Amino acid sequence: MKKEIIIRVPIITGCQDSLEEVESIAEFARSLKIKEVHLLPYHRLGESKYSQLGRNYKLKGVTPLTESSIFRLKEIVESYNLKVCVGGQ
């Protein structure tokens, strides 16, 4: 169908934020001939909504990555000749 695919990857501290994990994702994207990857850093914007709804926030205590960490992950993906967008925009 010749449709352009963009891989969108949530980056959560302690889950898939390691250099090896991001390299694997970039390698996979390149193997599929995908040209663009969006790195979606974890943020806490929804945490208060869970509290207001009386629901358990399962990511409580997880800290967002630093800007320098995100930049390093972006550089890794770019080294695979992929276009990278941080935040999905």
N, C-alpha and C. Protein backbone atom coordinates (compact mmCIF):
# COMPACT_ATOMS: atom_id res chain seq x y z
N MET A 1 0.82 -1.20 0.00
CA MET A 1 0.00 0.00 0.00
C MET A 1 0.86 1.26 0.00
N LYS A 2 2.15 1.12 0.23
CA LYS A 2 3.08 2.25 0.19
C LYS A 2 2.73 3.35 1.19
N LYS A 3 2.24 2.96 2.34
CA LYS A 3 1.94 3.93 3.40
C LYS A 3 3.17 4.11 4.27
N GLU A 4 3.40 5.34 4.69
CA GLU A 4 4.52 5.62 5.59
C GLU A 4 4.12 5.26 7.01
N ILE A 5 4.97 4.50 7.67
CA ILE A 5 4.72 4.07 9.05
C ILE A 5 5.68 4.80 9.98
N ILE A 6 5.15 5.26 11.08
CA ILE A 6 5.97 5.88 12.13
C ILE A 6 5.86 5.01 13.36
N ILE A 7 6.99 4.63 13.91
CA ILE A 7 6.99 3.86 15.16
C ILE A 7 7.00 4.85 16.32
N ARG A 8 6.06 4.68 17.23
CA ARG A 8 5.95 5.54 18.41
C ARG A 8 6.29 4.69 19.64
N VAL A 9 7.31 5.11 20.38
CA VAL A 9 7.84 4.31 21.47
C VAL A 9 7.76 5.07 22.80
N PRO A 10 6.89 4.64 23.72
CA PRO A 10 6.91 5.24 25.05
C PRO A 10 8.24 4.89 25.75
N ILE A 11 8.86 5.87 26.34
CA ILE A 11 10.13 5.65 27.05
C ILE A 11 9.86 5.87 28.53
N ILE A 12 9.85 4.77 29.28
CA ILE A 12 9.57 4.82 30.71
C ILE A 12 10.82 4.40 31.47
N THR A 13 11.21 5.19 32.43
CA THR A 13 12.39 4.91 33.23
C THR A 13 12.31 3.49 33.80
N GLY A 14 13.35 2.71 33.57
CA GLY A 14 13.42 1.36 34.10
C GLY A 14 12.73 0.31 33.24
N CYS A 15 12.05 0.72 32.19
CA CYS A 15 11.36 -0.26 31.32
C CYS A 15 12.10 -0.43 30.00
N GLN A 16 12.13 0.61 29.19
CA GLN A 16 12.82 0.50 27.91
C GLN A 16 13.67 1.75 27.64
N ASP A 17 14.34 2.20 28.66
CA ASP A 17 15.16 3.39 28.51
C ASP A 17 16.65 3.09 28.42
N SER A 18 17.01 1.80 28.36
CA SER A 18 18.44 1.47 28.27
C SER A 18 18.94 1.67 26.84
N LEU A 19 20.23 1.90 26.71
CA LEU A 19 20.82 2.08 25.39
C LEU A 19 20.60 0.86 24.52
N GLU A 20 20.73 -0.32 25.11
CA GLU A 20 20.56 -1.56 24.36
C GLU A 20 19.14 -1.70 23.84
N GLU A 21 18.18 -1.37 24.67
CA GLU A 21 16.77 -1.47 24.27
C GLU A 21 16.46 -0.52 23.12
N VAL A 22 16.94 0.71 23.22
CA VAL A 22 16.68 1.70 22.18
C VAL A 22 17.41 1.32 20.89
N GLU A 23 18.61 0.77 21.01
CA GLU A 23 19.32 0.29 19.82
C GLU A 23 18.53 -0.82 19.13
N SER A 24 17.96 -1.72 19.91
CA SER A 24 17.14 -2.81 19.35
C SER A 24 15.92 -2.27 18.61
N ILE A 25 15.29 -1.27 19.19
CA ILE A 25 14.12 -0.65 18.55
C ILE A 25 14.53 0.01 17.25
N ALA A 26 15.64 0.73 17.26
CA ALA A 26 16.12 1.40 16.05
C ALA A 26 16.49 0.38 14.98
N GLU A 27 17.15 -0.68 15.36
CA GLU A 27 17.51 -1.74 14.42
C GLU A 27 16.26 -2.36 13.80
N PHE A 28 15.25 -2.61 14.62
CA PHE A 28 14.00 -3.17 14.14
C PHE A 28 13.33 -2.22 13.14
N ALA A 29 13.28 -0.93 13.48
CA ALA A 29 12.68 0.06 12.59
C ALA A 29 13.42 0.10 11.26
N ARG A 30 14.74 0.09 11.33
CA ARG A 30 15.53 0.13 10.10
C ARG A 30 15.31 -1.12 9.26
N SER A 31 15.18 -2.27 9.91
CA SER A 31 14.98 -3.52 9.17
C SER A 31 13.64 -3.53 8.42
N LEU A 32 12.68 -2.75 8.92
CA LEU A 32 11.37 -2.65 8.26
C LEU A 32 11.32 -1.51 7.25
N LYS A 33 12.46 -0.84 7.07
CA LYS A 33 12.55 0.30 6.14
C LYS A 33 11.69 1.48 6.60
N ILE A 34 11.50 1.58 7.89
CA ILE A 34 10.77 2.71 8.48
C ILE A 34 11.73 3.88 8.60
N LYS A 35 11.24 5.06 8.32
CA LYS A 35 12.12 6.23 8.28
C LYS A 35 12.01 7.14 9.49
N GLU A 36 10.95 6.96 10.30
CA GLU A 36 10.73 7.90 11.40
C GLU A 36 10.30 7.17 12.67
N VAL A 37 10.89 7.60 13.79
CA VAL A 37 10.58 7.05 15.10
C VAL A 37 10.25 8.22 16.03
N HIS A 38 9.17 8.07 16.79
CA HIS A 38 8.82 9.07 17.80
C HIS A 38 9.12 8.48 19.17
N LEU A 39 9.97 9.16 19.92
CA LEU A 39 10.26 8.77 21.31
C LEU A 39 9.32 9.57 22.20
N LEU A 40 8.55 8.87 23.02
CA LEU A 40 7.54 9.50 23.85
C LEU A 40 7.94 9.37 25.32
N PRO A 41 8.67 10.35 25.85
CA PRO A 41 9.13 10.26 27.23
C PRO A 41 7.97 10.24 28.23
N TYR A 42 8.10 9.42 29.24
CA TYR A 42 7.11 9.35 30.32
C TYR A 42 7.01 10.70 31.00
N HIS A 43 5.79 11.07 31.34
CA HIS A 43 5.55 12.28 32.13
C HIS A 43 4.48 11.96 33.18
N ARG A 44 4.33 12.83 34.13
CA ARG A 44 3.41 12.60 35.25
C ARG A 44 2.09 13.36 35.11
N LEU A 45 1.75 13.81 33.94
CA LEU A 45 0.58 14.66 33.79
C LEU A 45 -0.72 13.98 34.20
N GLY A 46 -0.82 12.68 34.06
CA GLY A 46 -2.06 11.98 34.41
C GLY A 46 -2.14 11.51 35.85
N GLU A 47 -1.06 11.64 36.60
CA GLU A 47 -1.03 11.11 37.97
C GLU A 47 -2.13 11.69 38.85
N SER A 48 -2.35 12.98 38.80
CA SER A 48 -3.36 13.60 39.66
C SER A 48 -4.77 13.17 39.26
N LYS A 49 -4.98 12.88 37.99
CA LYS A 49 -6.30 12.43 37.53
C LYS A 49 -6.66 11.08 38.15
N TYR A 50 -5.68 10.20 38.25
CA TYR A 50 -5.92 8.91 38.88
C TYR A 50 -6.36 9.10 40.32
N SER A 51 -5.68 9.99 41.03
CA SER A 51 -6.01 10.26 42.43
C SER A 51 -7.44 10.80 42.54
N GLN A 52 -7.80 11.72 41.67
CA GLN A 52 -9.14 12.30 41.69
C GLN A 52 -10.22 11.26 41.40
N LEU A 53 -9.88 10.25 40.61
CA LEU A 53 -10.83 9.19 40.28
C LEU A 53 -10.80 8.05 41.29
N GLY A 54 -9.91 8.16 42.29
CA GLY A 54 -9.80 7.12 43.30
C GLY A 54 -9.18 5.85 42.77
N ARG A 55 -8.37 5.98 41.73
CA ARG A 55 -7.73 4.81 41.12
C ARG A 55 -6.25 4.75 41.52
N ASN A 56 -5.71 3.55 41.50
CA ASN A 56 -4.31 3.32 41.82
C ASN A 56 -3.45 3.66 40.61
N TYR A 57 -2.49 4.54 40.80
CA TYR A 57 -1.56 4.93 39.74
C TYR A 57 -0.35 4.00 39.80
N LYS A 58 -0.28 3.07 38.87
CA LYS A 58 0.73 2.01 38.93
C LYS A 58 2.15 2.48 38.65
N LEU A 59 2.30 3.68 38.14
CA LEU A 59 3.64 4.20 37.87
C LEU A 59 4.09 5.21 38.94
N LYS A 60 3.43 5.20 40.07
CA LYS A 60 3.80 6.11 41.16
C LYS A 60 5.26 5.86 41.54
N GLY A 61 6.01 6.92 41.65
CA GLY A 61 7.41 6.80 42.01
C GLY A 61 8.35 6.73 40.81
N VAL A 62 7.80 6.52 39.62
CA VAL A 62 8.63 6.51 38.41
C VAL A 62 8.95 7.95 38.05
N THR A 63 10.21 8.22 37.84
CA THR A 63 10.62 9.58 37.51
C THR A 63 10.82 9.72 36.00
N PRO A 64 10.46 10.87 35.47
CA PRO A 64 10.71 11.11 34.04
C PRO A 64 12.22 11.16 33.77
N LEU A 65 12.59 10.83 32.55
CA LEU A 65 14.00 10.91 32.16
C LEU A 65 14.44 12.36 32.11
N THR A 66 15.71 12.57 32.30
CA THR A 66 16.27 13.92 32.17
C THR A 66 16.37 14.28 30.69
N GLU A 67 16.44 15.55 30.41
CA GLU A 67 16.59 16.01 29.02
C GLU A 67 17.85 15.42 28.39
N SER A 68 18.93 15.34 29.15
CA SER A 68 20.17 14.80 28.59
C SER A 68 20.03 13.32 28.27
N SER A 69 19.28 12.57 29.08
CA SER A 69 19.05 11.15 28.80
C SER A 69 18.23 10.97 27.53
N ILE A 70 17.20 11.77 27.39
CA ILE A 70 16.35 11.70 26.20
C ILE A 70 17.16 12.07 24.96
N PHE A 71 17.99 13.12 25.08
CA PHE A 71 18.82 13.55 23.96
C PHE A 71 19.77 12.43 23.53
N ARG A 72 20.33 11.72 24.50
CA ARG A 72 21.24 10.61 24.20
C ARG A 72 20.50 9.50 23.46
N LEU A 73 19.30 9.17 23.89
CA LEU A 73 18.51 8.14 23.21
C LEU A 73 18.15 8.59 21.80
N LYS A 74 17.85 9.86 21.64
CA LYS A 74 17.55 10.41 20.31
C LYS A 74 18.76 10.26 19.39
N GLU A 75 19.94 10.57 19.91
CA GLU A 75 21.17 10.43 19.12
C GLU A 75 21.39 8.99 18.66
N ILE A 76 21.09 8.05 19.54
CA ILE A 76 21.26 6.64 19.20
C ILE A 76 20.36 6.27 18.03
N VAL A 77 19.10 6.65 18.10
CA VAL A 77 18.17 6.31 17.03
C VAL A 77 18.59 7.02 15.73
N GLU A 78 19.01 8.25 15.83
CA GLU A 78 19.47 8.99 14.64
C GLU A 78 20.69 8.33 14.01
N SER A 79 21.51 7.67 14.80
CA SER A 79 22.70 7.01 14.24
C SER A 79 22.33 5.85 13.33
N TYR A 80 21.07 5.43 13.34
CA TYR A 80 20.57 4.38 12.44
C TYR A 80 19.94 5.01 11.20
N ASN A 81 20.25 6.26 10.95
CA ASN A 81 19.72 7.01 9.79
C ASN A 81 18.19 7.08 9.80
N LEU A 82 17.64 7.29 10.98
CA LEU A 82 16.20 7.43 11.15
C LEU A 82 15.90 8.86 11.61
N LYS A 83 14.80 9.39 11.13
CA LYS A 83 14.32 10.67 11.63
C LYS A 83 13.71 10.43 13.00
N VAL A 84 14.02 11.29 13.96
CA VAL A 84 13.52 11.12 15.33
C VAL A 84 12.79 12.37 15.77
N CYS A 85 11.66 12.14 16.39
CA CYS A 85 10.88 13.21 16.99
C CYS A 85 10.68 12.85 18.46
N VAL A 86 10.97 13.76 19.35
CA VAL A 86 10.75 13.52 20.77
C VAL A 86 9.41 14.15 21.14
N GLY A 87 8.53 13.35 21.69
CA GLY A 87 7.22 13.84 22.09
C GLY A 87 6.14 13.60 21.06
N GLY A 88 6.50 13.11 19.91
CA GLY A 88 5.49 12.74 18.92
C GLY A 88 4.93 13.86 18.07
N GLN A 89 5.50 15.03 18.12
CA GLN A 89 5.00 16.13 17.30
C GLN A 89 5.99 16.52 16.25
